[in-house]
Each structure stands twice: as C-alpha cells, then as structure tokens.
C-alpha atoms as a PDB file:
ATOM      1  CA  UNK A   1       0.000   0.000   0.000  1.00  0.00           C
ATOM      2  CA  UNK A   2       1.237   3.454  -0.899  1.00  0.00           C
ATOM      3  CA  UNK A   3       1.794   6.215   1.662  1.00  0.00           C
ATOM      4  CA  UNK A   4       1.838   9.833   0.483  1.00  0.00           C
ATOM      5  CA  UNK A   5       3.763  12.195   2.745  1.00  0.00           C
ATOM      6  CA  UNK A   6       2.362  15.734   2.660  1.00  0.00           C
ATOM      7  CA  UNK A   7       5.609  17.198   3.968  1.00  0.00           C
ATOM      8  CA  UNK A   8       9.086  18.166   2.816  1.00  0.00           C
ATOM      9  CA  UNK A   9      10.601  17.473   6.248  1.00  0.00           C
ATOM     10  CA  UNK A  10      13.832  15.464   5.822  1.00  0.00           C
ATOM     11  CA  UNK A  11      13.446  14.175   9.388  1.00  0.00           C
ATOM     12  CA  UNK A  12       9.978  12.714   8.757  1.00  0.00           C
ATOM     13  CA  UNK A  13      11.170  11.122   5.534  1.00  0.00           C
ATOM     14  CA  UNK A  14      14.185   9.587   7.286  1.00  0.00           C
ATOM     15  CA  UNK A  15      11.982   8.232  10.092  1.00  0.00           C
ATOM     16  CA  UNK A  16       9.611   6.558   7.659  1.00  0.00           C
ATOM     17  CA  UNK A  17      12.444   5.070   5.646  1.00  0.00           C
ATOM     18  CA  UNK A  18      14.047   3.680   8.796  1.00  0.00           C
ATOM     19  CA  UNK A  19      10.678   2.097   9.621  1.00  0.00           C
ATOM     20  CA  UNK A  20      10.617   0.334   6.246  1.00  0.00           C
ATOM     21  CA  UNK A  21       8.373   2.789   4.422  1.00  0.00           C
ATOM     22  CA  UNK A  22       9.385   4.670   1.274  1.00  0.00           C
ATOM     23  CA  UNK A  23       6.628   7.280   0.921  1.00  0.00           C
ATOM     24  CA  UNK A  24       5.691   9.317  -2.115  1.00  0.00           C
ATOM     25  CA  UNK A  25       6.534  12.881  -1.091  1.00  0.00           C
ATOM     26  CA  UNK A  26       3.970  15.476  -2.203  1.00  0.00           C
ATOM     27  CA  UNK A  27       4.559  18.875  -0.570  1.00  0.00           C
ATOM     28  CA  UNK A  28       1.447  20.741   0.510  1.00  0.00           C
ATOM     29  CA  UNK A  29       0.792  24.350  -0.429  1.00  0.00           C
ATOM     30  CA  UNK A  30      -0.645  25.321   2.956  1.00  0.00           C
ATOM     31  CA  UNK A  31       0.102  28.826   4.212  1.00  0.00           C
ATOM     32  CA  UNK A  32       0.707  27.819   7.820  1.00  0.00           C
ATOM     33  CA  UNK A  33       0.582  31.249   9.512  1.00  0.00           C
ATOM     34  CA  UNK A  34      -2.596  32.087   7.586  1.00  0.00           C
ATOM     35  CA  UNK A  35      -4.216  28.778   8.542  1.00  0.00           C
ATOM     36  CA  UNK A  36      -3.455  29.332  12.236  1.00  0.00           C
ATOM     37  CA  UNK A  37      -4.614  32.955  12.097  1.00  0.00           C
ATOM     38  CA  UNK A  38      -7.899  31.953  10.447  1.00  0.00           C
ATOM     39  CA  UNK A  39      -8.596  29.268  13.044  1.00  0.00           C
ATOM     40  CA  UNK A  40      -7.817  31.615  15.927  1.00  0.00           C
ATOM     41  CA  UNK A  41      -9.959  34.368  14.427  1.00  0.00           C
ATOM     42  CA  UNK A  42     -12.887  31.981  14.020  1.00  0.00           C
ATOM     43  CA  UNK A  43     -12.778  30.804  17.642  1.00  0.00           C
ATOM     44  CA  UNK A  44     -11.758  34.149  19.109  1.00  0.00           C
ATOM     45  CA  UNK A  45      -8.784  32.839  21.050  1.00  0.00           C
ATOM     46  CA  UNK A  46      -5.303  31.437  20.557  1.00  0.00           C
ATOM     47  CA  UNK A  47      -4.741  27.780  19.759  1.00  0.00           C
ATOM     48  CA  UNK A  48      -2.837  25.624  22.201  1.00  0.00           C
ATOM     49  CA  UNK A  49       0.318  23.945  20.906  1.00  0.00           C
ATOM     50  CA  UNK A  50      -1.408  20.532  20.483  1.00  0.00           C
ATOM     51  CA  UNK A  51      -4.355  22.173  18.717  1.00  0.00           C
ATOM     52  CA  UNK A  52      -2.017  24.043  16.370  1.00  0.00           C
ATOM     53  CA  UNK A  53       0.058  21.052  15.287  1.00  0.00           C
ATOM     54  CA  UNK A  54      -3.060  18.945  14.682  1.00  0.00           C
ATOM     55  CA  UNK A  55      -4.691  21.757  12.700  1.00  0.00           C
ATOM     56  CA  UNK A  56      -1.636  22.111  10.455  1.00  0.00           C
ATOM     57  CA  UNK A  57      -1.143  18.359  10.056  1.00  0.00           C
ATOM     58  CA  UNK A  58      -4.761  18.104   8.950  1.00  0.00           C
ATOM     59  CA  UNK A  59      -4.496  21.099   6.613  1.00  0.00           C
ATOM     60  CA  UNK A  60      -1.435  19.626   4.896  1.00  0.00           C
ATOM     61  CA  UNK A  61      -2.985  16.183   4.456  1.00  0.00           C
ATOM     62  CA  UNK A  62      -6.286  17.603   3.179  1.00  0.00           C
ATOM     63  CA  UNK A  63      -4.489  19.921   0.744  1.00  0.00           C
ATOM     64  CA  UNK A  64      -2.642  17.011  -0.866  1.00  0.00           C
ATOM     65  CA  UNK A  65      -5.676  14.690  -0.761  1.00  0.00           C
ATOM     66  CA  UNK A  66      -7.840  17.232  -2.590  1.00  0.00           C
ATOM     67  CA  UNK A  67      -5.356  18.693  -5.077  1.00  0.00           C
ATOM     68  CA  UNK A  68      -3.020  15.837  -6.061  1.00  0.00           C
ATOM     69  CA  UNK A  69      -4.116  13.638  -8.952  1.00  0.00           C
ATOM     70  CA  UNK A  70      -4.218   9.846  -9.281  1.00  0.00           C
ATOM     71  CA  UNK A  71      -3.881   9.110  -5.586  1.00  0.00           C
ATOM     72  CA  UNK A  72      -4.319   5.536  -4.462  1.00  0.00           C
ATOM     73  CA  UNK A  73      -3.193   5.106  -0.898  1.00  0.00           C
ATOM     74  CA  UNK A  74      -3.004   6.935   2.414  1.00  0.00           C
ATOM     75  CA  UNK A  75      -2.086  10.602   2.837  1.00  0.00           C
ATOM     76  CA  UNK A  76      -0.108  11.604   5.924  1.00  0.00           C
ATOM     77  CA  UNK A  77       0.285  15.162   7.156  1.00  0.00           C
ATOM     78  CA  UNK A  78       2.469  16.161  10.081  1.00  0.00           C
ATOM     79  CA  UNK A  79       3.501  19.188  12.079  1.00  0.00           C
ATOM     80  CA  UNK A  80       5.585  19.823  15.190  1.00  0.00           C
ATOM     81  CA  UNK A  81       6.094  22.593  17.735  1.00  0.00           C
ATOM     82  CA  UNK A  82       8.132  23.042  20.899  1.00  0.00           C
ATOM     83  CA  UNK A  83       6.506  24.537  23.981  1.00  0.00           C
ATOM     84  CA  UNK A  84       8.364  26.118  26.894  1.00  0.00           C
ATOM     85  CA  UNK A  85       6.611  27.953  29.731  1.00  0.00           C
ATOM     86  CA  UNK A  86       3.379  27.881  27.724  1.00  0.00           C
ATOM     87  CA  UNK A  87       4.970  29.666  24.747  1.00  0.00           C
ATOM     88  CA  UNK A  88       5.014  27.929  21.352  1.00  0.00           C
ATOM     89  CA  UNK A  89       8.272  27.892  19.410  1.00  0.00           C
ATOM     90  CA  UNK A  90       8.465  26.825  15.783  1.00  0.00           C
ATOM     91  CA  UNK A  91      11.453  27.089  13.453  1.00  0.00           C
ATOM     92  CA  UNK A  92      13.755  30.014  14.342  1.00  0.00           C
ATOM     93  CA  UNK A  93      15.046  30.583  10.778  1.00  0.00           C
ATOM     94  CA  UNK A  94      17.535  33.273  11.912  1.00  0.00           C
ATOM     95  CA  UNK A  95      20.771  32.609  13.882  1.00  0.00           C
ATOM     96  CA  UNK A  96      20.119  35.319  16.474  1.00  0.00           C
ATOM     97  CA  UNK A  97      16.660  33.875  17.155  1.00  0.00           C
ATOM     98  CA  UNK A  98      18.076  30.372  17.547  1.00  0.00           C
ATOM     99  CA  UNK A  99      20.756  31.627  19.940  1.00  0.00           C
ATOM    100  CA  UNK A 100      18.213  33.413  22.109  1.00  0.00           C
ATOM    101  CA  UNK A 101      16.151  30.249  22.326  1.00  0.00           C
ATOM    102  CA  UNK A 102      19.111  28.109  23.309  1.00  0.00           C
ATOM    103  CA  UNK A 103      20.097  30.537  26.050  1.00  0.00           C
ATOM    104  CA  UNK A 104      16.504  30.336  27.294  1.00  0.00           C
ATOM    105  CA  UNK A 105      16.078  26.555  27.146  1.00  0.00           C
ATOM    106  CA  UNK A 106      19.532  25.556  28.432  1.00  0.00           C
ATOM    107  CA  UNK A 107      19.029  23.545  31.617  1.00  0.00           C
ATOM    108  CA  UNK A 108      15.255  23.637  31.147  1.00  0.00           C
ATOM    109  CA  UNK A 109      12.522  21.160  30.232  1.00  0.00           C
ATOM    110  CA  UNK A 110       9.925  21.681  27.512  1.00  0.00           C
ATOM    111  CA  UNK A 111       7.322  19.799  25.505  1.00  0.00           C
ATOM    112  CA  UNK A 112       7.623  18.707  21.891  1.00  0.00           C
ATOM    113  CA  UNK A 113       4.215  18.232  20.281  1.00  0.00           C
ATOM    114  CA  UNK A 114       3.881  16.273  17.040  1.00  0.00           C
ATOM    115  CA  UNK A 115       0.560  16.166  15.197  1.00  0.00           C
ATOM    116  CA  UNK A 116      -0.339  13.536  12.595  1.00  0.00           C
ATOM    117  CA  UNK A 117      -3.335  13.385  10.261  1.00  0.00           C
ATOM    118  CA  UNK A 118      -4.034  10.366   8.066  1.00  0.00           C
ATOM    119  CA  UNK A 119      -6.553  10.225   5.211  1.00  0.00           C
ATOM    120  CA  UNK A 120      -7.738   7.106   3.391  1.00  0.00           C
ATOM    121  CA  UNK A 121      -7.352   8.172  -0.247  1.00  0.00           C
ATOM    122  CA  UNK A 122      -7.377   4.667  -1.704  1.00  0.00           C
ATOM    123  CA  UNK A 123      -9.462   4.027  -4.794  1.00  0.00           C
ATOM    124  CA  UNK A 124     -12.589   2.480  -3.439  1.00  0.00           C
ATOM    125  CA  UNK A 125     -11.497   3.383   0.088  1.00  0.00           C
ATOM    126  CA  UNK A 126     -13.609   4.886   2.817  1.00  0.00           C
ATOM    127  CA  UNK A 127     -12.242   8.434   2.616  1.00  0.00           C
ATOM    128  CA  UNK A 128     -12.066   8.447   6.413  1.00  0.00           C
ATOM    129  CA  UNK A 129      -9.574  10.653   8.232  1.00  0.00           C
ATOM    130  CA  UNK A 130      -8.051  10.266  11.681  1.00  0.00           C
ATOM    131  CA  UNK A 131      -5.618  12.379  13.649  1.00  0.00           C
ATOM    132  CA  UNK A 132      -3.721  12.452  16.923  1.00  0.00           C
ATOM    133  CA  UNK A 133      -1.113  14.473  18.797  1.00  0.00           C
ATOM    134  CA  UNK A 134       1.842  12.881  20.568  1.00  0.00           C
ATOM    135  CA  UNK A 135       3.817  14.792  23.187  1.00  0.00           C
ATOM    136  CA  UNK A 136       7.274  14.125  24.616  1.00  0.00           C
ATOM    137  CA  UNK A 137       9.135  15.914  27.397  1.00  0.00           C
ATOM    138  CA  UNK A 138      12.616  17.153  26.479  1.00  0.00           C
ATOM    139  CA  UNK A 139      15.229  18.199  29.052  1.00  0.00           C
ATOM    140  CA  UNK A 140      18.350  20.083  27.996  1.00  0.00           C
ATOM    141  CA  UNK A 141      21.727  19.878  29.715  1.00  0.00           C
ATOM    142  CA  UNK A 142      22.474  22.748  32.089  1.00  0.00           C
ATOM    143  CA  UNK A 143      26.214  22.834  31.367  1.00  0.00           C
ATOM    144  CA  UNK A 144      26.031  23.664  27.652  1.00  0.00           C
ATOM    145  CA  UNK A 145      28.656  26.335  27.005  1.00  0.00           C
ATOM    146  CA  UNK A 146      28.050  29.490  24.985  1.00  0.00           C
ATOM    147  CA  UNK A 147      30.731  28.498  22.473  1.00  0.00           C
ATOM    148  CA  UNK A 148      28.969  25.140  21.964  1.00  0.00           C
ATOM    149  CA  UNK A 149      25.701  26.941  21.284  1.00  0.00           C
ATOM    150  CA  UNK A 150      27.409  29.267  18.803  1.00  0.00           C
ATOM    151  CA  UNK A 151      29.124  26.371  17.033  1.00  0.00           C
ATOM    152  CA  UNK A 152      25.855  24.438  16.789  1.00  0.00           C
ATOM    153  CA  UNK A 153      23.979  27.415  15.365  1.00  0.00           C
ATOM    154  CA  UNK A 154      26.798  28.012  12.862  1.00  0.00           C
ATOM    155  CA  UNK A 155      26.091  24.586  11.343  1.00  0.00           C
ATOM    156  CA  UNK A 156      22.671  25.838  10.269  1.00  0.00           C
ATOM    157  CA  UNK A 157      20.941  22.727  11.577  1.00  0.00           C
ATOM    158  CA  UNK A 158      18.819  24.355  14.304  1.00  0.00           C
ATOM    159  CA  UNK A 159      17.468  27.085  12.032  1.00  0.00           C
ATOM    160  CA  UNK A 160      14.941  24.881  10.225  1.00  0.00           C
ATOM    161  CA  UNK A 161      13.620  22.656  13.009  1.00  0.00           C
ATOM    162  CA  UNK A 162      10.945  23.228  15.649  1.00  0.00           C
ATOM    163  CA  UNK A 163      12.494  24.390  18.906  1.00  0.00           C
ATOM    164  CA  UNK A 164      15.898  24.941  17.258  1.00  0.00           C
ATOM    165  CA  UNK A 165      17.165  21.455  18.132  1.00  0.00           C
ATOM    166  CA  UNK A 166      17.377  17.870  16.932  1.00  0.00           C
ATOM    167  CA  UNK A 167      17.968  14.639  18.819  1.00  0.00           C
ATOM    168  CA  UNK A 168      18.947  12.510  15.830  1.00  0.00           C
ATOM    169  CA  UNK A 169      21.827  14.627  14.575  1.00  0.00           C
ATOM    170  CA  UNK A 170      24.222  17.322  15.849  1.00  0.00           C
ATOM    171  CA  UNK A 171      21.865  18.503  18.570  1.00  0.00           C
ATOM    172  CA  UNK A 172      21.595  15.117  20.267  1.00  0.00           C
ATOM    173  CA  UNK A 173      24.471  15.571  22.762  1.00  0.00           C
ATOM    174  CA  UNK A 174      22.796  18.666  24.230  1.00  0.00           C
ATOM    175  CA  UNK A 175      19.606  16.812  25.157  1.00  0.00           C
ATOM    176  CA  UNK A 176      19.941  15.200  28.569  1.00  0.00           C
ATOM    177  CA  UNK A 177      16.652  13.320  28.840  1.00  0.00           C
ATOM    178  CA  UNK A 178      13.490  12.472  26.883  1.00  0.00           C
ATOM    179  CA  UNK A 179      10.283  11.196  28.410  1.00  0.00           C
ATOM    180  CA  UNK A 180       7.972   9.710  25.809  1.00  0.00           C
ATOM    181  CA  UNK A 181       8.390   8.413  22.291  1.00  0.00           C
ATOM    182  CA  UNK A 182      11.714   9.668  20.813  1.00  0.00           C
ATOM    183  CA  UNK A 183      10.342   9.700  17.256  1.00  0.00           C
ATOM    184  CA  UNK A 184       7.838  12.319  18.422  1.00  0.00           C
ATOM    185  CA  UNK A 185      10.756  14.664  19.040  1.00  0.00           C
ATOM    186  CA  UNK A 186      12.196  13.946  15.604  1.00  0.00           C
ATOM    187  CA  UNK A 187       8.912  15.053  14.053  1.00  0.00           C
ATOM    188  CA  UNK A 188       6.643  12.058  13.522  1.00  0.00           C
ATOM    189  CA  UNK A 189       5.469   9.679  16.224  1.00  0.00           C
ATOM    190  CA  UNK A 190       5.772   6.214  14.711  1.00  0.00           C
ATOM    191  CA  UNK A 191       3.692   4.536  17.457  1.00  0.00           C
ATOM    192  CA  UNK A 192       0.958   7.122  16.825  1.00  0.00           C
ATOM    193  CA  UNK A 193       1.109   6.400  13.095  1.00  0.00           C
ATOM    194  CA  UNK A 194       0.627   2.698  13.801  1.00  0.00           C
ATOM    195  CA  UNK A 195      -2.400   3.477  15.989  1.00  0.00           C
ATOM    196  CA  UNK A 196      -3.920   5.724  13.320  1.00  0.00           C
ATOM    197  CA  UNK A 197      -3.462   2.972  10.760  1.00  0.00           C
ATOM    198  CA  UNK A 198      -5.323   0.582  13.054  1.00  0.00           C
ATOM    199  CA  UNK A 199      -8.227   3.028  13.214  1.00  0.00           C
ATOM    200  CA  UNK A 200      -8.409   2.835   9.412  1.00  0.00           C
ATOM    201  CA  UNK A 201      -8.171  -0.962   9.608  1.00  0.00           C
ATOM    202  CA  UNK A 202      -4.709  -0.965   8.027  1.00  0.00           C
ATOM    203  CA  UNK A 203      -1.751  -2.945   9.366  1.00  0.00           C
ATOM    204  CA  UNK A 204       1.597  -1.142   9.460  1.00  0.00           C
ATOM    205  CA  UNK A 205       3.474  -4.002   7.692  1.00  0.00           C
ATOM    206  CA  UNK A 206       1.288  -3.435   4.611  1.00  0.00           C
ATOM    207  CA  UNK A 207       3.239  -0.188   4.109  1.00  0.00           C
ATOM    208  CA  UNK A 208       6.661  -1.816   4.192  1.00  0.00           C
ATOM    209  CA  UNK A 209       8.275  -1.360   0.787  1.00  0.00           C
ATOM    210  CA  UNK A 210      11.982  -0.937   1.471  1.00  0.00           C
END
C-alpha cells in the first residue's frame, strides 16, 4: 500500500524510511501562519500547541488529498512545535533567534508536540480521516557552554527545526533526557502512526516497501 507524505521534512522522511516505508513525497501548499490565524480568528482565542500542530497536520494532508491527482493510498500530514513555559516555538530561521532560544532553554525542560493526520485516499477506500497528537518531554543539559551553542547554530541545523534542536543529529548531545516516544521529538510519532493505521483498519506491515 502506498503512503503519500504531505511534507518536505527530511526528518519525517528519514523516520519513515528507517521504519521500512518509502513514501511518495507530495509537498502541501498550505500557508501555515494564515491557517493558524484563520482558526484563531474563528474561535476568538489562541490555539494551544497541540491544537495548532493537529490543525496544520490536517491542513497539509487535506491539501494534498484534494489537489493531487491519481492518488491511491493513504495521505499523511504532520507538524511539530516546541513549547516552553506555555509559549510555542516553531522554526527560528535566523541565527540570532536560535541563539536566544538556546540561552533560554539551556538547563530547562519543555514539551515537543507532534501532530499527525491520516486520510484514506485509496481508490474504493472509505475516505475516512483520523488524527492524533503525541507529546514528549525534552530536558536540555544545564552545562552547555556558549561556544557550543554558537558552534551548533553556525552549522545551520537548528534554524529549520521546531524548537531549534534535533535529537537525531548534531543537537543530540545537548539533550539530557526524553520522556515519551523519541520519534515524536524527531517530528513524527511512529507509534501514533501505527495506531492511526489501526483506526483505518490498516496494518503497518502493509506499508513496508523498502
């Protein structure tokens, strides 16, 4: 069975490949800030971090499911955000922003939320959609030196990831402890994906194609 990944995230692609799944990558055209702003305007209040990542995961999956042609499989959308002291942090993009975040989160513990949305887009399928948010607790080492932070930011890696850190690459040594599913922190909870597949009456091994 074919899995369509509505994301350009290298981390999500790597996770799926390591789990035996080679997805068909179809980037969504969702304007994420606009989607969040519209949802918050409609309800009259800000979205929580779990609500935001599920909203965007759903928007991405629905965009691909409705605009891509000749689909015959399952469409997966995903989104992640890091939360510290109730404040949501996405991708920093700029070095000075990433540095400020690392100075703030050094020696602290935050939450990494990963939303997944799965749509049955098989020919003759049900068209059903299911979604879920997984959350993991991430604790950073307190003895990270300023020169280590500067060197890490200079690599460019933290600029394009939620929370300005990774656990599966250069940022791993700065993370002291994780409580919860590690793949959630990478960007896609594999146990959650398996559970969503069950809700669509699909077994995970049917996606193995590597």
